[in-house]
Amino acid sequence: ASATHAPGVGQPSPSVQEPALARR
């Protein structure tokens, strides 16, 4: 369960998503 909800496993981390959304 911990591995499933941990950031960076299977999805980009929030720190990576925010700059992409800002650029968009």
PDB file of all heavy atoms in Angstrom:
ATOM      1  N   ALA A   1       0.825  -1.209   0.000  1.00  0.00           N
ATOM      2  CA  ALA A   1       0.000   0.000   0.000  1.00  0.00           C
ATOM      3  C   ALA A   1       0.849   1.244   0.000  1.00  0.00           C
ATOM      4  O   ALA A   1       0.566   2.224  -0.686  1.00  0.00           O
ATOM      5  CB  ALA A   1      -0.938  -0.006   1.216  1.00  0.00           C
ATOM      6  N   SER A   2       1.924   1.196   0.774  1.00  0.00           N
ATOM      7  CA  SER A   2       2.811   2.362   0.821  1.00  0.00           C
ATOM      8  C   SER A   2       3.455   2.614  -0.519  1.00  0.00           C
ATOM      9  O   SER A   2       3.615   3.750  -0.968  1.00  0.00           O
ATOM     10  CB  SER A   2       3.899   2.153   1.890  1.00  0.00           C
ATOM     11  OG  SER A   2       3.292   1.966   3.150  1.00  0.00           O
ATOM     12  N   ALA A   3       3.849   1.541  -1.190  1.00  0.00           N
ATOM     13  CA  ALA A   3       4.481   1.681  -2.503  1.00  0.00           C
ATOM     14  C   ALA A   3       3.501   2.214  -3.535  1.00  0.00           C
ATOM     15  O   ALA A   3       3.861   2.954  -4.439  1.00  0.00           O
ATOM     16  CB  ALA A   3       5.048   0.331  -2.949  1.00  0.00           C
ATOM     17  N   THR A   4       2.211   1.806  -3.398  1.00  0.00           N
ATOM     18  CA  THR A   4       1.206   2.233  -4.367  1.00  0.00           C
ATOM     19  C   THR A   4       0.959   3.730  -4.302  1.00  0.00           C
ATOM     20  O   THR A   4       0.825   4.405  -5.314  1.00  0.00           O
ATOM     21  CB  THR A   4      -0.111   1.471  -4.131  1.00  0.00           C
ATOM     22  OG1 THR A   4       0.149   0.100  -4.205  1.00  0.00           O
ATOM     23  CG2 THR A   4      -1.165   1.884  -5.153  1.00  0.00           C
ATOM     24  N   HIS A   5       0.933   4.283  -3.072  1.00  0.00           N
ATOM     25  CA  HIS A   5       0.601   5.696  -2.902  1.00  0.00           C
ATOM     26  C   HIS A   5       1.825   6.582  -2.847  1.00  0.00           C
ATOM     27  O   HIS A   5       1.701   7.785  -2.689  1.00  0.00           O
ATOM     28  CB  HIS A   5      -0.217   5.881  -1.604  1.00  0.00           C
ATOM     29  CG  HIS A   5      -1.563   5.202  -1.664  1.00  0.00           C
ATOM     30  ND1 HIS A   5      -2.600   5.708  -2.414  1.00  0.00           N
ATOM     31  CD2 HIS A   5      -2.000   4.053  -1.085  1.00  0.00           C
ATOM     32  CE1 HIS A   5      -3.667   4.905  -2.282  1.00  0.00           C
ATOM     33  NE2 HIS A   5      -3.312   3.899  -1.487  1.00  0.00           N
ATOM     34  N   ALA A   6       2.972   6.000  -2.958  1.00  0.00           N
ATOM     35  CA  ALA A   6       4.184   6.817  -2.875  1.00  0.00           C
ATOM     36  C   ALA A   6       4.345   7.644  -4.135  1.00  0.00           C
ATOM     37  O   ALA A   6       4.084   7.184  -5.238  1.00  0.00           O
ATOM     38  CB  ALA A   6       5.410   5.919  -2.691  1.00  0.00           C
ATOM     39  N   PRO A   7       4.748   8.943  -4.037  1.00  0.00           N
ATOM     40  CA  PRO A   7       4.957   9.763  -5.238  1.00  0.00           C
ATOM     41  C   PRO A   7       6.093   9.222  -6.082  1.00  0.00           C
ATOM     42  O   PRO A   7       7.078   8.728  -5.558  1.00  0.00           O
ATOM     43  CB  PRO A   7       5.305  11.145  -4.665  1.00  0.00           C
ATOM     44  CG  PRO A   7       5.227  11.051  -3.183  1.00  0.00           C
ATOM     45  CD  PRO A   7       5.028   9.651  -2.807  1.00  0.00           C
ATOM     46  N   GLY A   8       5.931   9.340  -7.383  1.00  0.00           N
ATOM     47  CA  GLY A   8       6.974   8.915  -8.301  1.00  0.00           C
ATOM     48  C   GLY A   8       6.817   7.501  -8.783  1.00  0.00           C
ATOM     49  O   GLY A   8       7.555   7.068  -9.647  1.00  0.00           O
ATOM     50  N   VAL A   9       5.861   6.769  -8.249  1.00  0.00           N
ATOM     51  CA  VAL A   9       5.650   5.401  -8.686  1.00  0.00           C
ATOM     52  C   VAL A   9       4.444   5.384  -9.613  1.00  0.00           C
ATOM     53  O   VAL A   9       3.316   5.527  -9.165  1.00  0.00           O
ATOM     54  CB  VAL A   9       5.420   4.461  -7.482  1.00  0.00           C
ATOM     55  CG1 VAL A   9       5.171   3.033  -7.969  1.00  0.00           C
ATOM     56  CG2 VAL A   9       6.601   4.510  -6.537  1.00  0.00           C
ATOM     57  N   GLY A  10       4.671   5.233 -10.921  1.00  0.00           N
ATOM     58  CA  GLY A  10       3.593   5.131 -11.910  1.00  0.00           C
ATOM     59  C   GLY A  10       3.045   6.464 -12.371  1.00  0.00           C
ATOM     60  O   GLY A  10       2.196   6.504 -13.235  1.00  0.00           O
ATOM     61  N   GLN A  11       3.460   7.617 -11.789  1.00  0.00           N
ATOM     62  CA  GLN A  11       2.978   8.929 -12.221  1.00  0.00           C
ATOM     63  C   GLN A  11       4.018   9.985 -11.902  1.00  0.00           C
ATOM     64  O   GLN A  11       4.825   9.808 -10.995  1.00  0.00           O
ATOM     65  CB  GLN A  11       1.657   9.266 -11.509  1.00  0.00           C
ATOM     66  CG  GLN A  11       1.776   9.281  -9.985  1.00  0.00           C
ATOM     67  CD  GLN A  11       0.450   9.584  -9.311  1.00  0.00           C
ATOM     68  OE1 GLN A  11      -0.512   9.887  -9.977  1.00  0.00           O
ATOM     69  NE2 GLN A  11       0.421   9.487  -7.998  1.00  0.00           N
ATOM     70  N   PRO A  12       4.021  11.119 -12.681  1.00  0.00           N
ATOM     71  CA  PRO A  12       5.013  12.160 -12.424  1.00  0.00           C
ATOM     72  C   PRO A  12       4.783  12.791 -11.060  1.00  0.00           C
ATOM     73  O   PRO A  12       3.651  12.863 -10.576  1.00  0.00           O
ATOM     74  CB  PRO A  12       4.768  13.171 -13.553  1.00  0.00           C
ATOM     75  CG  PRO A  12       3.951  12.461 -14.558  1.00  0.00           C
ATOM     76  CD  PRO A  12       3.170  11.423 -13.829  1.00  0.00           C
ATOM     77  N   SER A  13       5.825  13.256 -10.469  1.00  0.00           N
ATOM     78  CA  SER A  13       5.715  13.917  -9.170  1.00  0.00           C
ATOM     79  C   SER A  13       5.110  15.293  -9.352  1.00  0.00           C
ATOM     80  O   SER A  13       5.180  15.883 -10.433  1.00  0.00           O
ATOM     81  CB  SER A  13       7.103  14.037  -8.537  1.00  0.00           C
ATOM     82  OG  SER A  13       7.913  14.881  -9.321  1.00  0.00           O
ATOM     83  N   PRO A  14       4.482  15.860  -8.310  1.00  0.00           N
ATOM     84  CA  PRO A  14       3.900  17.202  -8.427  1.00  0.00           C
ATOM     85  C   PRO A  14       4.912  18.248  -8.847  1.00  0.00           C
ATOM     86  O   PRO A  14       4.581  19.196  -9.554  1.00  0.00           O
ATOM     87  CB  PRO A  14       3.369  17.470  -7.012  1.00  0.00           C
ATOM     88  CG  PRO A  14       3.124  16.120  -6.433  1.00  0.00           C
ATOM     89  CD  PRO A  14       4.198  15.245  -6.996  1.00  0.00           C
ATOM     90  N   SER A  15       6.162  18.104  -8.456  1.00  0.00           N
ATOM     91  CA  SER A  15       7.186  19.086  -8.820  1.00  0.00           C
ATOM     92  C   SER A  15       7.449  19.085 -10.319  1.00  0.00           C
ATOM     93  O   SER A  15       7.857  20.087 -10.886  1.00  0.00           O
ATOM     94  CB  SER A  15       8.482  18.795  -8.064  1.00  0.00           C
ATOM     95  OG  SER A  15       8.960  17.500  -8.391  1.00  0.00           O
ATOM     96  N   VAL A  16       7.189  17.967 -11.010  1.00  0.00           N
ATOM     97  CA  VAL A  16       7.365  17.891 -12.459  1.00  0.00           C
ATOM     98  C   VAL A  16       6.117  18.402 -13.166  1.00  0.00           C
ATOM     99  O   VAL A  16       6.183  19.058 -14.202  1.00  0.00           O
ATOM    100  CB  VAL A  16       7.684  16.448 -12.892  1.00  0.00           C
ATOM    101  CG1 VAL A  16       7.766  16.346 -14.405  1.00  0.00           C
ATOM    102  CG2 VAL A  16       8.986  15.981 -12.243  1.00  0.00           C
ATOM    103  N   GLN A  17       4.905  18.125 -12.622  1.00  0.00           N
ATOM    104  CA  GLN A  17       3.656  18.526 -13.255  1.00  0.00           C
ATOM    105  C   GLN A  17       3.446  20.034 -13.236  1.00  0.00           C
ATOM    106  O   GLN A  17       2.984  20.626 -14.213  1.00  0.00           O
ATOM    107  CB  GLN A  17       2.472  17.839 -12.557  1.00  0.00           C
ATOM    108  CG  GLN A  17       2.353  16.357 -12.858  1.00  0.00           C
ATOM    109  CD  GLN A  17       1.175  15.749 -12.120  1.00  0.00           C
ATOM    110  OE1 GLN A  17       0.863  16.164 -11.012  1.00  0.00           O
ATOM    111  NE2 GLN A  17       0.544  14.779 -12.747  1.00  0.00           N
ATOM    112  N   GLU A  18       3.782  20.692 -12.151  1.00  0.00           N
ATOM    113  CA  GLU A  18       3.486  22.112 -12.002  1.00  0.00           C
ATOM    114  C   GLU A  18       4.189  22.973 -13.051  1.00  0.00           C
ATOM    115  O   GLU A  18       3.551  23.834 -13.664  1.00  0.00           O
ATOM    116  CB  GLU A  18       3.844  22.572 -10.586  1.00  0.00           C
ATOM    117  CG  GLU A  18       2.884  22.010  -9.548  1.00  0.00           C
ATOM    118  CD  GLU A  18       3.285  22.413  -8.132  1.00  0.00           C
ATOM    119  OE1 GLU A  18       4.257  23.186  -8.013  1.00  0.00           O
ATOM    120  OE2 GLU A  18       2.625  21.970  -7.191  1.00  0.00           O
ATOM    121  N   PRO A  19       5.495  22.811 -13.338  1.00  0.00           N
ATOM    122  CA  PRO A  19       6.109  23.617 -14.406  1.00  0.00           C
ATOM    123  C   PRO A  19       5.490  23.361 -15.776  1.00  0.00           C
ATOM    124  O   PRO A  19       5.338  24.286 -16.577  1.00  0.00           O
ATOM    125  CB  PRO A  19       7.577  23.196 -14.371  1.00  0.00           C
ATOM    126  CG  PRO A  19       7.793  22.669 -12.997  1.00  0.00           C
ATOM    127  CD  PRO A  19       6.507  22.021 -12.616  1.00  0.00           C
ATOM    128  N   ALA A  20       5.114  22.118 -16.052  1.00  0.00           N
ATOM    129  CA  ALA A  20       4.485  21.814 -17.345  1.00  0.00           C
ATOM    130  C   ALA A  20       3.144  22.516 -17.473  1.00  0.00           C
ATOM    131  O   ALA A  20       2.825  23.081 -18.521  1.00  0.00           O
ATOM    132  CB  ALA A  20       4.316  20.301 -17.495  1.00  0.00           C
ATOM    133  N   LEU A  21       2.341  22.501 -16.398  1.00  0.00           N
ATOM    134  CA  LEU A  21       1.056  23.199 -16.424  1.00  0.00           C
ATOM    135  C   LEU A  21       1.250  24.705 -16.542  1.00  0.00           C
ATOM    136  O   LEU A  21       0.489  25.393 -17.231  1.00  0.00           O
ATOM    137  CB  LEU A  21       0.260  22.866 -15.156  1.00  0.00           C
ATOM    138  CG  LEU A  21      -0.226  21.422 -15.039  1.00  0.00           C
ATOM    139  CD1 LEU A  21      -0.878  21.201 -13.676  1.00  0.00           C
ATOM    140  CD2 LEU A  21      -1.228  21.105 -16.148  1.00  0.00           C
ATOM    141  N   ALA A  22       2.270  25.220 -15.886  1.00  0.00           N
ATOM    142  CA  ALA A  22       2.537  26.660 -15.962  1.00  0.00           C
ATOM    143  C   ALA A  22       2.930  27.065 -17.380  1.00  0.00           C
ATOM    144  O   ALA A  22       2.481  28.095 -17.895  1.00  0.00           O
ATOM    145  CB  ALA A  22       3.633  27.042 -14.972  1.00  0.00           C
ATOM    146  N   ARG A  23       3.778  26.238 -18.013  1.00  0.00           N
ATOM    147  CA  ARG A  23       4.169  26.550 -19.392  1.00  0.00           C
ATOM    148  C   ARG A  23       2.974  26.487 -20.323  1.00  0.00           C
ATOM    149  O   ARG A  23       2.824  27.313 -21.217  1.00  0.00           O
ATOM    150  CB  ARG A  23       5.269  25.579 -19.844  1.00  0.00           C
ATOM    151  CG  ARG A  23       6.641  25.852 -19.226  1.00  0.00           C
ATOM    152  CD  ARG A  23       7.721  25.094 -19.979  1.00  0.00           C
ATOM    153  NE  ARG A  23       7.503  23.661 -19.930  1.00  0.00           N
ATOM    154  CZ  ARG A  23       7.984  22.857 -18.986  1.00  0.00           C
ATOM    155  NH1 ARG A  23       8.703  23.380 -17.980  1.00  0.00           N
ATOM    156  NH2 ARG A  23       7.768  21.556 -19.015  1.00  0.00           N
ATOM    157  N   ARG A  24       2.132  25.480 -20.108  1.00  0.00           N
ATOM    158  CA  ARG A  24       0.942  25.347 -20.946  1.00  0.00           C
ATOM    159  C   ARG A  24       0.009  26.543 -20.748  1.00  0.00           C
ATOM    160  O   ARG A  24      -0.598  27.051 -21.683  1.00  0.00           O
ATOM    161  CB  ARG A  24       0.224  24.048 -20.610  1.00  0.00           C
ATOM    162  CG  ARG A  24      -0.686  23.543 -21.731  1.00  0.00           C
ATOM    163  CD  ARG A  24      -1.304  22.222 -21.346  1.00  0.00           C
ATOM    164  NE  ARG A  24      -0.303  21.284 -20.816  1.00  0.00           N
ATOM    165  CZ  ARG A  24      -0.569  20.251 -20.038  1.00  0.00           C
ATOM    166  NH1 ARG A  24      -1.828  20.031 -19.665  1.00  0.00           N
ATOM    167  NH2 ARG A  24       0.380  19.446 -19.611  1.00  0.00           N
TER     168      ARG A  24
END
